């Protein structure tokens, strides 16, 4: 009987927490209409390929050094 009692409390707690989290998730920040959404604040395009290449290099180097 104790398991059923604790499961009821757990279900109630999950429902209660999910209810409060859903209501707080709906609160959105409203931005003014004069915000320029077309141009990004920080363009991320130059070093992405370099970072991926460096990650591949260091990953292969670490894997090779572990085998030796």
N, C-alpha and C. Protein backbone atom coordinates (compact mmCIF):
# COMPACT_ATOMS: atom_id res chain seq x y z
N UNK A 1 0.82 -1.20 0.00
CA UNK A 1 0.00 0.00 0.00
C UNK A 1 0.86 1.27 0.00
N UNK A 2 2.01 1.21 0.60
CA UNK A 2 2.85 2.40 0.68
C UNK A 2 3.31 2.84 -0.72
N UNK A 3 3.55 1.89 -1.64
CA UNK A 3 3.98 2.25 -2.98
C UNK A 3 2.91 3.03 -3.73
N UNK A 4 1.66 2.63 -3.61
CA UNK A 4 0.58 3.35 -4.28
C UNK A 4 0.44 4.76 -3.71
N UNK A 5 0.63 4.90 -2.42
CA UNK A 5 0.52 6.20 -1.79
C UNK A 5 1.62 7.14 -2.27
N UNK A 6 2.83 6.64 -2.40
CA UNK A 6 3.93 7.48 -2.85
C UNK A 6 3.82 7.77 -4.34
N UNK A 7 3.28 6.86 -5.13
CA UNK A 7 3.09 7.09 -6.56
C UNK A 7 2.06 8.19 -6.78
N UNK A 8 1.02 8.22 -5.95
CA UNK A 8 0.02 9.28 -6.08
C UNK A 8 0.64 10.64 -5.78
N UNK A 9 1.48 10.70 -4.78
CA UNK A 9 2.15 11.95 -4.45
C UNK A 9 3.12 12.36 -5.55
N UNK A 10 3.81 11.40 -6.12
CA UNK A 10 4.75 11.69 -7.20
C UNK A 10 4.01 12.22 -8.43
N UNK A 11 2.90 11.60 -8.78
CA UNK A 11 2.11 12.07 -9.93
C UNK A 11 1.58 13.47 -9.68
N UNK A 12 1.10 13.74 -8.49
CA UNK A 12 0.61 15.07 -8.15
C UNK A 12 1.73 16.10 -8.25
N UNK A 13 2.89 15.75 -7.77
CA UNK A 13 4.03 16.66 -7.81
C UNK A 13 4.47 16.94 -9.24
N UNK A 14 4.49 15.93 -10.08
CA UNK A 14 4.87 16.11 -11.49
C UNK A 14 3.87 17.00 -12.20
N UNK A 15 2.59 16.79 -11.96
CA UNK A 15 1.56 17.62 -12.59
C UNK A 15 1.66 19.06 -12.10
N UNK A 16 1.90 19.23 -10.82
CA UNK A 16 2.02 20.57 -10.25
C UNK A 16 3.22 21.32 -10.83
N UNK A 17 4.36 20.67 -10.90
CA UNK A 17 5.57 21.30 -11.43
C UNK A 17 5.41 21.61 -12.92
N UNK A 18 4.83 20.69 -13.68
CA UNK A 18 4.67 20.94 -15.11
C UNK A 18 3.68 22.07 -15.36
N UNK A 19 2.68 22.19 -14.53
CA UNK A 19 1.72 23.29 -14.69
C UNK A 19 2.39 24.64 -14.47
N UNK A 20 3.18 24.76 -13.43
CA UNK A 20 3.85 26.03 -13.18
C UNK A 20 4.93 26.31 -14.20
N UNK A 21 5.62 25.31 -14.70
CA UNK A 21 6.66 25.55 -15.68
C UNK A 21 6.08 25.96 -17.02
N UNK A 22 4.91 25.44 -17.37
CA UNK A 22 4.27 25.81 -18.63
C UNK A 22 3.82 27.27 -18.58
N UNK A 23 3.28 27.70 -17.46
CA UNK A 23 2.81 29.08 -17.38
C UNK A 23 3.98 30.06 -17.40
N UNK A 24 5.11 29.71 -16.84
CA UNK A 24 6.25 30.63 -16.89
C UNK A 24 6.92 30.59 -18.25
N UNK A 25 6.80 29.51 -18.99
CA UNK A 25 7.41 29.43 -20.31
C UNK A 25 6.66 30.30 -21.32
N UNK A 26 5.41 30.59 -21.07
CA UNK A 26 4.64 31.41 -22.00
C UNK A 26 4.93 32.90 -21.85
N UNK A 27 5.61 33.31 -20.81
CA UNK A 27 5.93 34.72 -20.63
C UNK A 27 7.10 35.07 -21.55
N UNK A 28 6.82 35.80 -22.60
CA UNK A 28 7.84 36.15 -23.59
C UNK A 28 8.17 37.62 -23.50
N UNK A 29 9.41 37.95 -23.84
CA UNK A 29 9.85 39.34 -23.88
C UNK A 29 9.37 39.96 -25.18
N UNK A 30 8.82 41.14 -25.10
CA UNK A 30 8.34 41.83 -26.29
C UNK A 30 9.37 42.88 -26.68
N UNK A 31 9.84 42.80 -27.92
CA UNK A 31 10.81 43.76 -28.43
C UNK A 31 10.08 44.87 -29.18
N UNK A 32 10.65 46.06 -29.22
CA UNK A 32 10.02 47.14 -30.00
C UNK A 32 10.09 46.83 -31.49
N UNK A 33 9.25 47.51 -32.27
CA UNK A 33 9.17 47.24 -33.70
C UNK A 33 10.34 47.80 -34.49
N UNK A 34 11.15 48.68 -33.92
CA UNK A 34 12.23 49.29 -34.67
C UNK A 34 13.53 48.49 -34.62
N UNK A 35 13.49 47.24 -34.18
CA UNK A 35 14.67 46.39 -34.12
C UNK A 35 14.97 45.85 -35.51
N UNK A 36 16.23 45.95 -35.94
CA UNK A 36 16.64 45.45 -37.25
C UNK A 36 17.00 43.98 -37.13
N UNK A 37 16.16 43.10 -37.65
CA UNK A 37 16.39 41.67 -37.56
C UNK A 37 17.12 41.10 -38.78
N UNK A 38 17.38 41.92 -39.77
CA UNK A 38 17.97 41.43 -41.01
C UNK A 38 19.46 41.16 -40.89
N UNK A 39 20.20 42.05 -40.27
CA UNK A 39 21.64 41.88 -40.17
C UNK A 39 22.00 41.24 -38.83
N UNK A 40 22.83 40.21 -38.84
CA UNK A 40 23.21 39.59 -37.57
C UNK A 40 24.15 40.48 -36.77
N UNK A 41 24.08 40.37 -35.45
CA UNK A 41 24.92 41.19 -34.59
C UNK A 41 26.37 40.75 -34.68
N UNK A 42 26.61 39.45 -34.76
CA UNK A 42 27.96 38.92 -34.87
C UNK A 42 27.94 37.81 -35.92
N UNK A 43 28.42 38.10 -37.13
CA UNK A 43 28.40 37.06 -38.17
C UNK A 43 29.34 35.92 -37.82
N UNK A 44 28.82 34.72 -37.89
CA UNK A 44 29.62 33.54 -37.56
C UNK A 44 29.80 32.75 -38.86
N UNK A 45 30.87 33.02 -39.57
CA UNK A 45 31.11 32.28 -40.80
C UNK A 45 32.59 32.08 -41.09
N UNK A 46 33.45 32.91 -40.55
CA UNK A 46 34.86 32.86 -40.91
C UNK A 46 35.63 31.72 -40.28
N UNK A 47 35.46 31.52 -38.99
CA UNK A 47 36.29 30.57 -38.28
C UNK A 47 35.60 29.23 -38.02
N UNK A 48 34.43 29.01 -38.56
CA UNK A 48 33.74 27.74 -38.32
C UNK A 48 34.51 26.60 -38.97
N UNK A 49 34.90 26.77 -40.23
CA UNK A 49 35.66 25.73 -40.92
C UNK A 49 37.01 25.48 -40.28
N UNK A 50 37.65 26.55 -39.85
CA UNK A 50 38.95 26.42 -39.18
C UNK A 50 38.80 25.69 -37.85
N UNK A 51 37.75 25.99 -37.11
CA UNK A 51 37.50 25.31 -35.84
C UNK A 51 37.20 23.83 -36.02
N UNK A 52 36.42 23.50 -37.04
CA UNK A 52 36.13 22.09 -37.32
C UNK A 52 37.40 21.35 -37.72
N UNK A 53 38.22 21.97 -38.56
CA UNK A 53 39.47 21.34 -38.98
C UNK A 53 40.41 21.13 -37.79
N UNK A 54 40.48 22.12 -36.90
CA UNK A 54 41.33 21.99 -35.71
C UNK A 54 40.80 20.88 -34.80
N UNK A 55 39.49 20.79 -34.65
CA UNK A 55 38.90 19.73 -33.83
C UNK A 55 39.18 18.35 -34.39
N UNK A 56 39.10 18.21 -35.71
CA UNK A 56 39.41 16.92 -36.34
C UNK A 56 40.87 16.57 -36.14
N UNK A 57 41.74 17.56 -36.33
CA UNK A 57 43.18 17.33 -36.16
C UNK A 57 43.51 16.87 -34.74
N UNK A 58 43.01 17.61 -33.74
CA UNK A 58 43.31 17.23 -32.35
C UNK A 58 42.66 15.92 -31.96
N UNK A 59 41.48 15.63 -32.51
CA UNK A 59 40.84 14.36 -32.21
C UNK A 59 41.60 13.17 -32.76
N UNK A 60 42.07 13.30 -34.01
CA UNK A 60 42.85 12.22 -34.61
C UNK A 60 44.18 12.08 -33.89
N UNK A 61 44.81 13.20 -33.54
CA UNK A 61 46.09 13.15 -32.84
C UNK A 61 45.96 12.47 -31.48
N UNK A 62 44.87 12.74 -30.77
CA UNK A 62 44.66 12.10 -29.47
C UNK A 62 44.38 10.61 -29.63
N UNK A 63 43.62 10.24 -30.64
CA UNK A 63 43.30 8.83 -30.87
C UNK A 63 44.55 8.05 -31.26
N UNK A 64 45.41 8.64 -32.07
CA UNK A 64 46.64 7.96 -32.48
C UNK A 64 47.59 7.82 -31.31
N UNK A 65 47.67 8.84 -30.45
CA UNK A 65 48.59 8.77 -29.33
C UNK A 65 48.13 7.75 -28.29
N UNK A 66 46.86 7.48 -28.20
CA UNK A 66 46.36 6.46 -27.26
C UNK A 66 46.68 5.05 -27.74
N UNK A 67 46.73 4.86 -29.05
CA UNK A 67 47.01 3.54 -29.60
C UNK A 67 48.48 3.15 -29.40
N UNK A 68 49.34 4.14 -29.33
CA UNK A 68 50.77 3.84 -29.21
C UNK A 68 51.19 3.55 -27.81
